[in-house]
């Protein structure tokens, strides 16, 4: 291999190594991804608690599909009532999973059942929507 080709190879390999290192360590991750577009999201969405009996208990959550969001809606039940949260992680936009806590599988962010960030790298709380209860029906308002 002549010196010019060897030098080009070494420079290219070094650059790729630096990019790989940044990727593995998370350097360069956006802290504030492009926010989802809520302009087309409107109306209400009803949830029958008979379909999600676990939500009758406090400190529970459920991931519910079929809403106007086009991605799962997270509904939680805490001592302060019911909460409707967007599952769009505020760090990089991955889908947050419902459970005893709300966890993002992509970079490890954790959120409380009310949507507050409890562990980063996310720095913003999950978006919440007004929710009301009438008997066994929860109504989420996307207005």
C-alpha atoms as a PDB file:
ATOM      1  CA  UNK A   1       0.000   0.000   0.000  1.00  0.00           C
ATOM      2  CA  UNK A   2       1.514   3.374  -0.923  1.00  0.00           C
ATOM      3  CA  UNK A   3       1.765   6.206   1.620  1.00  0.00           C
ATOM      4  CA  UNK A   4      -1.122   8.241   0.185  1.00  0.00           C
ATOM      5  CA  UNK A   5      -3.552   5.305   0.308  1.00  0.00           C
ATOM      6  CA  UNK A   6      -2.358   4.259   3.771  1.00  0.00           C
ATOM      7  CA  UNK A   7      -2.721   7.814   5.095  1.00  0.00           C
ATOM      8  CA  UNK A   8      -6.241   8.128   3.607  1.00  0.00           C
ATOM      9  CA  UNK A   9      -7.193   4.783   5.168  1.00  0.00           C
ATOM     10  CA  UNK A  10      -5.882   5.800   8.627  1.00  0.00           C
ATOM     11  CA  UNK A  11      -7.617   9.192   8.561  1.00  0.00           C
ATOM     12  CA  UNK A  12     -10.935   7.620   7.495  1.00  0.00           C
ATOM     13  CA  UNK A  13     -10.676   4.846  10.109  1.00  0.00           C
ATOM     14  CA  UNK A  14      -9.920   7.402  12.836  1.00  0.00           C
ATOM     15  CA  UNK A  15     -12.940   9.514  11.894  1.00  0.00           C
ATOM     16  CA  UNK A  16     -15.219   6.485  11.903  1.00  0.00           C
ATOM     17  CA  UNK A  17     -13.871   5.463  15.305  1.00  0.00           C
ATOM     18  CA  UNK A  18     -14.679   8.889  16.774  1.00  0.00           C
ATOM     19  CA  UNK A  19     -18.208   8.790  15.334  1.00  0.00           C
ATOM     20  CA  UNK A  20     -18.681   5.295  16.781  1.00  0.00           C
ATOM     21  CA  UNK A  21     -17.436   6.434  20.193  1.00  0.00           C
ATOM     22  CA  UNK A  22     -19.871   9.362  20.206  1.00  0.00           C
ATOM     23  CA  UNK A  23     -22.705   7.014  19.267  1.00  0.00           C
ATOM     24  CA  UNK A  24     -21.879   4.543  22.046  1.00  0.00           C
ATOM     25  CA  UNK A  25     -21.556   7.219  24.740  1.00  0.00           C
ATOM     26  CA  UNK A  26     -24.647   9.137  23.660  1.00  0.00           C
ATOM     27  CA  UNK A  27     -22.726  12.310  22.836  1.00  0.00           C
ATOM     28  CA  UNK A  28     -24.642  14.158  20.203  1.00  0.00           C
ATOM     29  CA  UNK A  29     -28.079  12.916  21.314  1.00  0.00           C
ATOM     30  CA  UNK A  30     -30.562  15.707  20.970  1.00  0.00           C
ATOM     31  CA  UNK A  31     -31.997  16.737  24.329  1.00  0.00           C
ATOM     32  CA  UNK A  32     -35.065  18.227  22.675  1.00  0.00           C
ATOM     33  CA  UNK A  33     -36.308  16.244  19.667  1.00  0.00           C
ATOM     34  CA  UNK A  34     -38.704  17.618  17.147  1.00  0.00           C
ATOM     35  CA  UNK A  35     -41.937  17.812  19.100  1.00  0.00           C
ATOM     36  CA  UNK A  36     -44.864  15.845  17.770  1.00  0.00           C
ATOM     37  CA  UNK A  37     -47.374  17.839  15.763  1.00  0.00           C
ATOM     38  CA  UNK A  38     -50.557  18.173  17.800  1.00  0.00           C
ATOM     39  CA  UNK A  39     -52.312  20.452  15.276  1.00  0.00           C
ATOM     40  CA  UNK A  40     -54.441  17.601  13.876  1.00  0.00           C
ATOM     41  CA  UNK A  41     -55.251  16.161  17.290  1.00  0.00           C
ATOM     42  CA  UNK A  42     -58.683  17.206  18.542  1.00  0.00           C
ATOM     43  CA  UNK A  43     -61.878  15.899  20.031  1.00  0.00           C
ATOM     44  CA  UNK A  44     -62.342  13.454  22.866  1.00  0.00           C
ATOM     45  CA  UNK A  45     -61.480   9.813  23.389  1.00  0.00           C
ATOM     46  CA  UNK A  46     -63.492   7.527  25.690  1.00  0.00           C
ATOM     47  CA  UNK A  47     -62.011   4.655  27.655  1.00  0.00           C
ATOM     48  CA  UNK A  48     -64.238   2.067  29.311  1.00  0.00           C
ATOM     49  CA  UNK A  49     -62.670   1.004  32.608  1.00  0.00           C
ATOM     50  CA  UNK A  50     -64.307  -2.410  32.147  1.00  0.00           C
ATOM     51  CA  UNK A  51     -61.702  -2.953  29.395  1.00  0.00           C
ATOM     52  CA  UNK A  52     -58.843  -1.985  31.765  1.00  0.00           C
ATOM     53  CA  UNK A  53     -59.840  -3.281  35.214  1.00  0.00           C
ATOM     54  CA  UNK A  54     -56.313  -2.826  36.608  1.00  0.00           C
ATOM     55  CA  UNK A  55     -56.813   0.937  36.356  1.00  0.00           C
ATOM     56  CA  UNK A  56     -59.385   0.757  39.158  1.00  0.00           C
ATOM     57  CA  UNK A  57     -56.416   0.313  41.530  1.00  0.00           C
ATOM     58  CA  UNK A  58     -54.154   3.241  42.420  1.00  0.00           C
ATOM     59  CA  UNK A  59     -50.520   3.301  41.281  1.00  0.00           C
ATOM     60  CA  UNK A  60     -51.244   1.525  38.010  1.00  0.00           C
ATOM     61  CA  UNK A  61     -50.937   2.416  34.345  1.00  0.00           C
ATOM     62  CA  UNK A  62     -52.067   1.105  30.983  1.00  0.00           C
ATOM     63  CA  UNK A  63     -51.008   1.727  27.420  1.00  0.00           C
ATOM     64  CA  UNK A  64     -54.090   2.299  25.288  1.00  0.00           C
ATOM     65  CA  UNK A  65     -54.156   2.370  21.501  1.00  0.00           C
ATOM     66  CA  UNK A  66     -56.665   3.779  19.082  1.00  0.00           C
ATOM     67  CA  UNK A  67     -56.661   7.427  20.158  1.00  0.00           C
ATOM     68  CA  UNK A  68     -56.248  10.471  17.958  1.00  0.00           C
ATOM     69  CA  UNK A  69     -52.532  10.560  18.821  1.00  0.00           C
ATOM     70  CA  UNK A  70     -51.707   7.750  16.419  1.00  0.00           C
ATOM     71  CA  UNK A  71     -49.520   6.150  19.093  1.00  0.00           C
ATOM     72  CA  UNK A  72     -50.298   4.666  22.507  1.00  0.00           C
ATOM     73  CA  UNK A  73     -51.900   6.891  25.109  1.00  0.00           C
ATOM     74  CA  UNK A  74     -50.777   6.147  28.659  1.00  0.00           C
ATOM     75  CA  UNK A  75     -53.482   6.327  31.307  1.00  0.00           C
ATOM     76  CA  UNK A  76     -52.433   6.179  34.942  1.00  0.00           C
ATOM     77  CA  UNK A  77     -54.286   6.095  38.247  1.00  0.00           C
ATOM     78  CA  UNK A  78     -52.638   7.706  41.273  1.00  0.00           C
ATOM     79  CA  UNK A  79     -53.854   9.005  44.616  1.00  0.00           C
ATOM     80  CA  UNK A  80     -54.504  12.334  42.871  1.00  0.00           C
ATOM     81  CA  UNK A  81     -56.740  10.718  40.226  1.00  0.00           C
ATOM     82  CA  UNK A  82     -56.446   9.650  36.606  1.00  0.00           C
ATOM     83  CA  UNK A  83     -53.867  11.055  34.199  1.00  0.00           C
ATOM     84  CA  UNK A  84     -53.707  10.864  30.389  1.00  0.00           C
ATOM     85  CA  UNK A  85     -50.175  11.117  29.010  1.00  0.00           C
ATOM     86  CA  UNK A  86     -48.603  11.042  25.574  1.00  0.00           C
ATOM     87  CA  UNK A  87     -46.239   8.070  25.253  1.00  0.00           C
ATOM     88  CA  UNK A  88     -43.849  10.203  23.124  1.00  0.00           C
ATOM     89  CA  UNK A  89     -40.580  10.405  25.112  1.00  0.00           C
ATOM     90  CA  UNK A  90     -39.422  14.019  25.436  1.00  0.00           C
ATOM     91  CA  UNK A  91     -35.770  13.013  24.932  1.00  0.00           C
ATOM     92  CA  UNK A  92     -35.691  11.376  21.497  1.00  0.00           C
ATOM     93  CA  UNK A  93     -39.294  10.505  20.691  1.00  0.00           C
ATOM     94  CA  UNK A  94     -39.273   6.781  21.479  1.00  0.00           C
ATOM     95  CA  UNK A  95     -42.434   5.198  22.868  1.00  0.00           C
ATOM     96  CA  UNK A  96     -42.533   5.171  26.676  1.00  0.00           C
ATOM     97  CA  UNK A  97     -43.746   1.890  28.195  1.00  0.00           C
ATOM     98  CA  UNK A  98     -46.449   1.774  30.852  1.00  0.00           C
ATOM     99  CA  UNK A  99     -45.838  -0.108  34.102  1.00  0.00           C
ATOM    100  CA  UNK A 100     -45.238   0.640  37.785  1.00  0.00           C
ATOM    101  CA  UNK A 101     -43.136   3.487  36.409  1.00  0.00           C
ATOM    102  CA  UNK A 102     -43.128   4.881  32.902  1.00  0.00           C
ATOM    103  CA  UNK A 103     -39.880   3.918  31.208  1.00  0.00           C
ATOM    104  CA  UNK A 104     -38.305   4.738  27.867  1.00  0.00           C
ATOM    105  CA  UNK A 105     -36.481   1.706  26.474  1.00  0.00           C
ATOM    106  CA  UNK A 106     -34.239   3.726  24.137  1.00  0.00           C
ATOM    107  CA  UNK A 107     -32.060   5.760  26.508  1.00  0.00           C
ATOM    108  CA  UNK A 108     -33.347   4.923  29.993  1.00  0.00           C
ATOM    109  CA  UNK A 109     -35.477   7.934  30.898  1.00  0.00           C
ATOM    110  CA  UNK A 110     -38.016   7.297  33.664  1.00  0.00           C
ATOM    111  CA  UNK A 111     -41.207   9.199  34.405  1.00  0.00           C
ATOM    112  CA  UNK A 112     -43.563   9.134  37.386  1.00  0.00           C
ATOM    113  CA  UNK A 113     -47.161   8.034  36.953  1.00  0.00           C
ATOM    114  CA  UNK A 114     -48.081  11.717  36.660  1.00  0.00           C
ATOM    115  CA  UNK A 115     -45.611  12.176  33.776  1.00  0.00           C
ATOM    116  CA  UNK A 116     -42.848  13.982  35.672  1.00  0.00           C
ATOM    117  CA  UNK A 117     -39.241  13.167  34.735  1.00  0.00           C
ATOM    118  CA  UNK A 118     -37.639  11.156  37.547  1.00  0.00           C
ATOM    119  CA  UNK A 119     -34.471  10.102  35.699  1.00  0.00           C
ATOM    120  CA  UNK A 120     -32.915  11.497  32.519  1.00  0.00           C
ATOM    121  CA  UNK A 121     -31.644  11.953  29.943  1.00  0.00           C
ATOM    122  CA  UNK A 122     -35.117  13.438  29.266  1.00  0.00           C
ATOM    123  CA  UNK A 123     -35.464  16.892  30.828  1.00  0.00           C
ATOM    124  CA  UNK A 124     -39.127  17.618  30.034  1.00  0.00           C
ATOM    125  CA  UNK A 125     -42.210  15.950  31.488  1.00  0.00           C
ATOM    126  CA  UNK A 126     -44.541  13.885  29.308  1.00  0.00           C
ATOM    127  CA  UNK A 127     -47.352  15.860  27.682  1.00  0.00           C
ATOM    128  CA  UNK A 128     -50.598  15.460  29.605  1.00  0.00           C
ATOM    129  CA  UNK A 129     -54.192  15.858  28.501  1.00  0.00           C
ATOM    130  CA  UNK A 130     -57.294  16.645  30.605  1.00  0.00           C
ATOM    131  CA  UNK A 131     -59.164  13.522  31.670  1.00  0.00           C
ATOM    132  CA  UNK A 132     -62.519  13.157  33.439  1.00  0.00           C
ATOM    133  CA  UNK A 133     -64.439  10.220  34.863  1.00  0.00           C
ATOM    134  CA  UNK A 134     -68.166   9.606  34.594  1.00  0.00           C
ATOM    135  CA  UNK A 135     -69.033   6.227  36.092  1.00  0.00           C
ATOM    136  CA  UNK A 136     -66.840   3.646  34.343  1.00  0.00           C
ATOM    137  CA  UNK A 137     -66.001   5.919  31.415  1.00  0.00           C
ATOM    138  CA  UNK A 138     -62.827   8.021  31.271  1.00  0.00           C
ATOM    139  CA  UNK A 139     -62.873  10.828  28.713  1.00  0.00           C
ATOM    140  CA  UNK A 140     -59.639  12.334  27.427  1.00  0.00           C
ATOM    141  CA  UNK A 141     -59.948  15.797  25.912  1.00  0.00           C
ATOM    142  CA  UNK A 142     -57.496  16.581  23.098  1.00  0.00           C
ATOM    143  CA  UNK A 143     -58.803  20.144  22.505  1.00  0.00           C
END
